[in-house]
Amino acid sequence: MIELKDIYKSFDDLEVLKGLDLEIKDGETLLVMGKSGCGKSVMLKIILRLLSPDSGKIIIDGVDTTFFSEFQMVSVRKNFGMLFQAGALFDSMTVWQNIAYPLLEHTDTPVSEIDERIYELLTFVGMEGNQTKYPNELSGGMQKRVALARALIMMPNYVLFDEPTTGLDPVTAGLINELIIRTRERYGVTSIVVTHDLASAMRVGTQYAFMSEGKITFTGSRAQIFESDNPALREFLKDASWQDRY
């Protein structure tokens, strides 16, 4: 389980997180919804301590990691994979090198085993046969599929998805959504997906949270979303264009 307790984070005079509380339970896919710029991506970076909170606690599997050193965080981050919004592949590396990088950097895994694992993951994301290509030879959707393979290469317990369908056409977005579902079903990971895309949220989540004014103001099931009297959530749901996409 991951717990965020009373998290505050500001950048100069801009308050982004204002006492955020959230629990992510093992095995679920938690969809964190909210308008663009509300602090969803900041929250993900705080979980990984890529950003440090101004105050509050970060508890991962019962351990308070809030004040862990960078050295201590190395072992924590090995339990996480992250799919960044833009994919964040290394332009100068091939697909194989991008996916292999975490294993080569942090383990002594034999190259033959890395080859097998990369083949398995590229097959899983529908990108087999592309090991020697570079990111600039791939479409945006293909880059995100490779980035997902990289996020899974260390066999993490948790996978974080930062706006995974942003900038993709509806067909490609649907493919990414299906991969998020299949990742949970096949690898048993706990996932946190942050998005302002209602179509994705309705498709892939098992539990939901809504962020507004720097806090989590709603948590519940898909059905409870539409029963909520939370005014900010109801305003968010007024954009019904997502209903025709899936």
Protein backbone atom coordinates (compact mmCIF):
# COMPACT_ATOMS: atom_id res chain seq x y z
CA MET A 1 0.00 0.00 0.00
CA ILE A 2 1.03 3.59 -0.66
CA GLU A 3 -0.18 6.31 1.69
CA LEU A 4 0.15 10.06 1.24
CA LYS A 5 -0.66 11.97 4.42
CA ASP A 6 -1.30 15.73 4.58
CA ILE A 7 1.05 16.53 1.68
CA TYR A 8 1.82 20.18 0.95
CA LYS A 9 3.92 21.39 -1.98
CA SER A 10 4.54 24.90 -3.29
CA PHE A 11 6.71 26.33 -6.03
CA ASP A 12 7.73 29.83 -4.97
CA ASP A 13 4.38 31.52 -4.23
CA LEU A 14 2.26 28.92 -6.07
CA GLU A 15 0.60 26.41 -3.75
CA VAL A 16 -0.02 23.19 -5.69
CA LEU A 17 -0.79 20.56 -3.07
CA LYS A 18 -2.64 21.73 0.03
CA GLY A 19 -2.99 18.88 2.48
CA LEU A 20 -3.43 15.97 0.08
CA ASP A 21 -4.39 12.59 1.58
CA LEU A 22 -4.58 9.40 -0.48
CA GLU A 23 -4.32 5.63 -0.06
CA ILE A 24 -3.51 3.25 -2.93
CA LYS A 25 -4.26 -0.38 -2.07
CA ASP A 26 -2.43 -3.38 -3.47
CA GLY A 27 -3.78 -4.76 -6.74
CA GLU A 28 -5.99 -1.84 -7.71
CA THR A 29 -5.76 0.56 -10.61
CA LEU A 30 -6.43 3.93 -9.06
CA LEU A 31 -7.51 6.64 -11.49
CA VAL A 32 -6.70 10.12 -10.21
CA MET A 33 -8.78 12.58 -12.20
CA GLY A 34 -8.68 16.35 -12.28
CA LYS A 35 -8.26 19.33 -14.53
CA SER A 36 -4.93 19.99 -16.23
CA GLY A 37 -2.54 21.77 -13.89
CA CYS A 38 -4.23 20.67 -10.66
CA GLY A 39 -1.12 18.89 -9.34
CA LYS A 40 -1.64 15.26 -10.42
CA SER A 41 1.82 14.88 -11.95
CA VAL A 42 3.41 16.62 -8.97
CA MET A 43 1.78 14.00 -6.75
CA LEU A 44 3.34 11.16 -8.77
CA LYS A 45 6.79 12.74 -8.55
CA ILE A 46 6.40 13.12 -4.79
CA ILE A 47 5.60 9.40 -4.42
CA LEU A 48 8.92 8.65 -6.11
CA ARG A 49 10.62 11.53 -4.29
CA LEU A 50 11.63 13.08 -7.59
CA LEU A 51 10.17 16.05 -5.74
CA SER A 52 10.16 16.40 -1.97
CA PRO A 53 7.04 17.64 -0.18
CA ASP A 54 7.18 20.77 1.94
CA SER A 55 5.40 18.80 4.66
CA GLY A 56 3.46 15.59 5.12
CA LYS A 57 4.34 11.90 4.96
CA ILE A 58 4.95 9.35 2.18
CA ILE A 59 4.51 5.77 3.38
CA ILE A 60 5.28 2.88 1.02
CA ASP A 61 4.59 -0.69 2.14
CA GLY A 62 4.47 0.47 5.75
CA VAL A 63 7.77 2.38 5.60
CA ASP A 64 7.95 6.16 5.97
CA THR A 65 10.13 7.26 3.04
CA THR A 66 9.55 11.00 3.45
CA PHE A 67 13.09 11.76 4.53
CA PHE A 68 14.93 8.94 2.76
CA SER A 69 18.24 9.90 1.18
CA GLU A 70 18.79 9.47 -2.55
CA PHE A 71 20.79 6.33 -1.75
CA GLN A 72 17.88 4.88 0.25
CA MET A 73 15.40 5.78 -2.50
CA VAL A 74 17.29 3.70 -5.07
CA SER A 75 15.99 0.46 -3.57
CA VAL A 76 12.46 1.91 -3.19
CA ARG A 77 12.32 3.04 -6.81
CA LYS A 78 13.24 -0.45 -8.02
CA ASN A 79 9.70 -1.44 -7.01
CA PHE A 80 8.26 1.21 -9.33
CA GLY A 81 7.89 1.62 -13.07
CA MET A 82 6.77 4.93 -14.55
CA LEU A 83 5.30 5.82 -17.90
CA PHE A 84 5.96 9.53 -18.34
CA GLN A 85 3.58 11.74 -20.29
CA ALA A 86 5.94 12.12 -23.25
CA GLY A 87 7.41 8.62 -22.99
CA ALA A 88 10.84 10.03 -22.05
CA LEU A 89 12.83 7.60 -24.18
CA PHE A 90 16.52 8.31 -24.75
CA ASP A 91 16.80 9.58 -28.34
CA SER A 92 20.35 8.30 -28.79
CA MET A 93 19.47 4.74 -27.74
CA THR A 94 17.73 1.99 -29.66
CA VAL A 95 14.50 0.42 -28.41
CA TRP A 96 16.52 -2.48 -26.97
CA GLN A 97 18.92 -0.14 -25.18
CA ASN A 98 16.08 1.99 -23.78
CA ILE A 99 14.28 -1.01 -22.32
CA ALA A 100 17.45 -2.70 -21.09
CA TYR A 101 18.81 0.44 -19.41
CA PRO A 102 17.33 -0.14 -15.91
CA LEU A 103 18.62 -3.72 -15.82
CA LEU A 104 22.06 -2.78 -17.11
CA GLU A 105 22.27 0.13 -14.67
CA HIS A 106 21.03 -1.59 -11.51
CA THR A 107 21.52 -5.36 -11.90
CA ASP A 108 23.96 -8.01 -13.10
CA THR A 109 21.35 -9.75 -15.24
CA PRO A 110 23.02 -11.68 -18.11
CA VAL A 111 22.47 -10.20 -21.56
CA SER A 112 20.84 -13.43 -22.73
CA GLU A 113 18.19 -13.09 -20.01
CA ILE A 114 17.72 -9.40 -20.82
CA ASP A 115 17.15 -10.37 -24.46
CA GLU A 116 14.45 -12.86 -23.43
CA ARG A 117 12.72 -10.38 -21.15
CA ILE A 118 12.77 -7.61 -23.77
CA TYR A 119 11.34 -9.96 -26.38
CA GLU A 120 8.55 -10.97 -23.98
CA LEU A 121 7.69 -7.36 -23.13
CA LEU A 122 7.84 -6.09 -26.71
CA THR A 123 5.51 -8.91 -27.70
CA PHE A 124 3.22 -7.97 -24.82
CA VAL A 125 2.98 -4.33 -26.01
CA GLY A 126 2.76 -5.29 -29.70
CA MET A 127 6.20 -3.96 -30.64
CA GLU A 128 8.14 -7.13 -31.33
CA GLY A 129 10.76 -6.82 -34.05
CA ASN A 130 11.55 -3.17 -33.29
CA GLN A 131 14.57 -3.69 -31.05
CA THR A 132 17.03 -1.90 -33.34
CA LYS A 133 14.91 1.15 -34.11
CA TYR A 134 15.43 4.58 -32.55
CA PRO A 135 12.65 6.66 -30.95
CA ASN A 136 12.54 9.13 -33.85
CA GLU A 137 11.56 6.23 -36.13
CA LEU A 138 8.45 5.52 -34.02
CA SER A 139 5.08 7.23 -33.74
CA GLY A 140 3.98 8.75 -30.44
CA GLY A 141 1.83 5.75 -29.60
CA MET A 142 4.64 3.33 -30.43
CA GLN A 143 7.02 5.29 -28.20
CA LYS A 144 4.57 5.01 -25.30
CA ARG A 145 4.32 1.26 -25.81
CA VAL A 146 8.12 0.97 -25.70
CA ALA A 147 8.13 3.19 -22.59
CA LEU A 148 5.63 0.82 -20.96
CA ALA A 149 7.91 -2.12 -21.74
CA ARG A 150 10.76 -0.21 -20.07
CA ALA A 151 8.55 0.54 -17.05
CA LEU A 152 7.90 -3.21 -16.63
CA ILE A 153 11.43 -4.51 -17.23
CA MET A 154 12.35 -4.55 -13.51
CA MET A 155 9.13 -6.46 -12.69
CA PRO A 156 7.86 -3.69 -10.38
CA ASN A 157 5.09 -3.90 -7.82
CA TYR A 158 3.79 -0.45 -8.80
CA VAL A 159 3.42 1.30 -12.15
CA LEU A 160 2.68 5.02 -12.38
CA PHE A 161 1.06 6.41 -15.54
CA ASP A 162 1.27 10.17 -16.13
CA GLU A 163 -1.42 11.24 -18.64
CA PRO A 164 -0.83 8.10 -20.75
CA THR A 165 -3.25 9.03 -23.57
CA THR A 166 -2.39 12.73 -23.94
CA GLY A 167 -1.67 13.68 -27.56
CA LEU A 168 -2.88 10.37 -28.99
CA ASP A 169 -5.70 9.79 -31.45
CA PRO A 170 -8.74 7.86 -30.10
CA VAL A 171 -7.69 4.52 -31.63
CA THR A 172 -4.16 4.69 -30.22
CA ALA A 173 -5.48 5.95 -26.88
CA GLY A 174 -7.77 2.93 -26.78
CA LEU A 175 -4.78 0.65 -27.38
CA ILE A 176 -2.87 2.22 -24.49
CA ASN A 177 -5.92 1.83 -22.25
CA GLU A 178 -6.14 -1.87 -23.10
CA LEU A 179 -2.44 -2.28 -22.27
CA ILE A 180 -2.99 -0.68 -18.86
CA ILE A 181 -5.76 -3.21 -18.16
CA ARG A 182 -3.68 -6.13 -19.45
CA THR A 183 -0.69 -5.00 -17.38
CA ARG A 184 -2.77 -5.37 -14.21
CA GLU A 185 -4.22 -8.70 -15.31
CA ARG A 186 -0.96 -10.27 -16.49
CA TYR A 187 1.63 -8.86 -14.11
CA GLY A 188 -0.52 -8.19 -11.05
CA VAL A 189 0.85 -4.68 -10.55
CA THR A 190 -0.76 -1.91 -8.58
CA SER A 191 -1.24 1.08 -10.87
CA ILE A 192 -1.82 4.78 -10.39
CA VAL A 193 -3.07 6.55 -13.50
CA VAL A 194 -3.39 10.34 -13.51
CA THR A 195 -5.50 11.80 -16.28
CA HIS A 196 -7.94 14.50 -17.27
CA ASP A 197 -9.24 12.16 -20.01
CA LEU A 198 -12.62 10.88 -18.80
CA ALA A 199 -12.77 8.19 -21.48
CA SER A 200 -9.55 6.61 -20.23
CA ALA A 201 -10.67 6.94 -16.64
CA MET A 202 -13.95 5.13 -17.23
CA ARG A 203 -12.23 2.36 -19.16
CA VAL A 204 -9.28 1.36 -17.00
CA GLY A 205 -9.93 2.24 -13.36
CA THR A 206 -10.93 -0.09 -10.56
CA GLN A 207 -11.03 2.76 -8.03
CA TYR A 208 -11.19 6.52 -8.50
CA ALA A 209 -10.01 9.72 -6.87
CA PHE A 210 -10.68 13.31 -7.86
CA MET A 211 -8.25 16.16 -7.22
CA SER A 212 -9.36 19.73 -6.83
CA GLU A 213 -7.76 22.80 -5.22
CA GLY A 214 -4.68 20.82 -4.18
CA LYS A 215 -6.54 18.05 -2.37
CA ILE A 216 -8.25 14.74 -3.02
CA THR A 217 -11.92 15.66 -2.64
CA PHE A 218 -13.49 12.36 -3.74
CA THR A 219 -12.60 8.66 -3.62
CA GLY A 220 -14.86 5.82 -4.64
CA SER A 221 -16.05 3.42 -7.32
CA ARG A 222 -17.05 4.19 -10.88
CA ALA A 223 -20.72 4.15 -9.92
CA GLN A 224 -20.12 6.47 -6.97
CA ILE A 225 -18.55 9.07 -9.28
CA PHE A 226 -21.92 9.74 -10.89
CA GLU A 227 -23.74 9.75 -7.55
CA SER A 228 -21.38 12.25 -5.93
CA ASP A 229 -22.60 15.71 -4.96
CA ASN A 230 -19.03 17.06 -5.02
CA PRO A 231 -19.49 20.35 -6.95
CA ALA A 232 -16.01 20.36 -8.57
CA LEU A 233 -16.41 16.74 -9.68
CA ARG A 234 -19.88 17.41 -11.09
CA GLU A 235 -18.47 20.35 -13.06
CA PHE A 236 -15.65 18.11 -14.34
CA LEU A 237 -18.19 15.54 -15.52
CA LYS A 238 -20.16 18.09 -17.53
CA ASP A 239 -17.76 17.55 -20.41
CA ALA A 240 -19.63 14.55 -21.80
CA SER A 241 -17.68 14.24 -25.06
CA TRP A 242 -15.91 11.17 -23.64
CA GLN A 243 -19.14 9.15 -23.67
CA ASP A 244 -18.99 8.51 -27.42
CA ARG A 245 -15.34 7.42 -27.48
CA TYR A 246 -15.65 3.95 -25.95
